[in-house]
Amino acid sequence: NIMLDLYGQISSIPLGYNHPAMVEAIQNPENLSYLVQRPALGNLPPADWVKRLRNTLMAIAPKGMPEVTTMMCGSCSVENAMKTAFLAYRNTARGGAPPSQQENESCMNNEAPGSPKLSALSFRGAFHGRTLGSLSCTRSKPIHKIDIPAFDFPTAPFPKLKYPLAENAQYNIAEEERCLKELEETIISRKETTPVACVIVEPIQAEGGDNHASPEFFKGIREITSRHGVYFIVDEVQTGGGNCGRIWEHESWGLETPPDMVTFSKKMLTGGFYAREGVRPSMGYQVFNTWMGDPHKLIQLEAFLKTMKKDNLLELVQVTGNYLADGLDILQRVYPNMLSNNRGKGTFRAVDMPDTETQLKVISMLRQEGVQIGGCGASTVRIRPSLTLDPSHVTIFLEKFEKVLKTL
């Protein structure tokens, strides 16, 4: 069987399957030691670890982000970014002084002041991971959260934009203003009880239904968090790595002040988070685990980044994304009762079906036709290909998609 994979192992494959550059990097004898023994990077990193970081993650670091911490996956990247925000918040509150004896003793009993009553705010529809802290910020589907204890973390509404955007501009502006107003009201209301130490947001809510917002909305979040002394975390686990036509989608917002942290994983192959100066924990071993990431993933990342530059893959994503968007627009006009709200950036695209039953049926029927796509939200189908997708692949998909739509 031949399968056109437009889902990319849940959006985690940057160059498709068995790409020669990836195979060559793994087979290179100079990289063998990284595969044979896995170092504890926080304590005993390889001699060339800093050089490899500079050649990979720091070479593409978001603007204003001079520091990086590597992790294993998206969930632990978010989890440790939030921990870093809590630590920075408390360090600022103490004026840089070390924890008191009372704080050291009370934290061992999970009591204040050592275990402070702080919170992290996320948005309705968000997905930030499945570890306890990140799961408490996840708001996409009950199946992710049911029966698992959660922290007392607040939420704010994420805009529900109407499409086409040009025809609904005034409504969407008002909708985003409403959400920002509730965000600020929530932060203010908790200042005396469980202060919000950080706000976390996805540039595009992926698992929650490919929900978009304008750059003005995200600028509003940055302004509100700055005004109230709240750390701002951008979760680029899904959007980072090039699928949107740029490495970091949040850089399309035009922020005057960058976020405090940016998390990454999936197409970036390794997990972790970038941070601004002054955010790093004041004491060692506060954000730590045995491996602190996986060094052989940087071998793959280096091969990916070289290939992306050599083959102009970001430009290809933009060209292919435009072709895909145009094709979906045509199908949406031909099948208006089946498709709506075609949207996306680059090849990071989605379209809505009438209901969940149709969504699941279309995904299954496309798989039988040799095309793998994914679902998200209540009734959305989403496309998450590798950066090597080109218009010829899109033509195959559109033909198969129309064949399925005709039978419904």
Foldseek 3Di string as FASTA:
>chain_A
DFFAEQCQVVLFAFPDPPDVLLVCLCPPPVCVVLVPDFAQCVPDNPPCVVVLCCLFVVVQDPPQFNDWFFDAAQQLQLVLVVLLLVLLLVCVVVVNDDDDPVLVVQVVVCHPPVNPQAAEEEEALAQRDQDARRLLRHHADVVSPPPHDHRPHYYFYDFDDDPPCVVCVVVQVVRLVVRLVVVLVVQVVCPVPHHHSAYEYECFRQQNFRHHHALVSVLSVVVSCVVSVHAYEYECQNPADQLLLGRGPNVVSVHPDDGQKYWYDRNLQITIMTGHPSSGRPDPPSSRDRRSIRVVSSSSSSSSVVCCVVVVLSVQLQQQQVLLLVLVVVVCVVCVQAWDDWDGGRQFTKIFGPFQVSQVVLQVQLVVVNYHWADHHTGMITGNRHSPDHNVSSVSVSVSSVVVVVVD
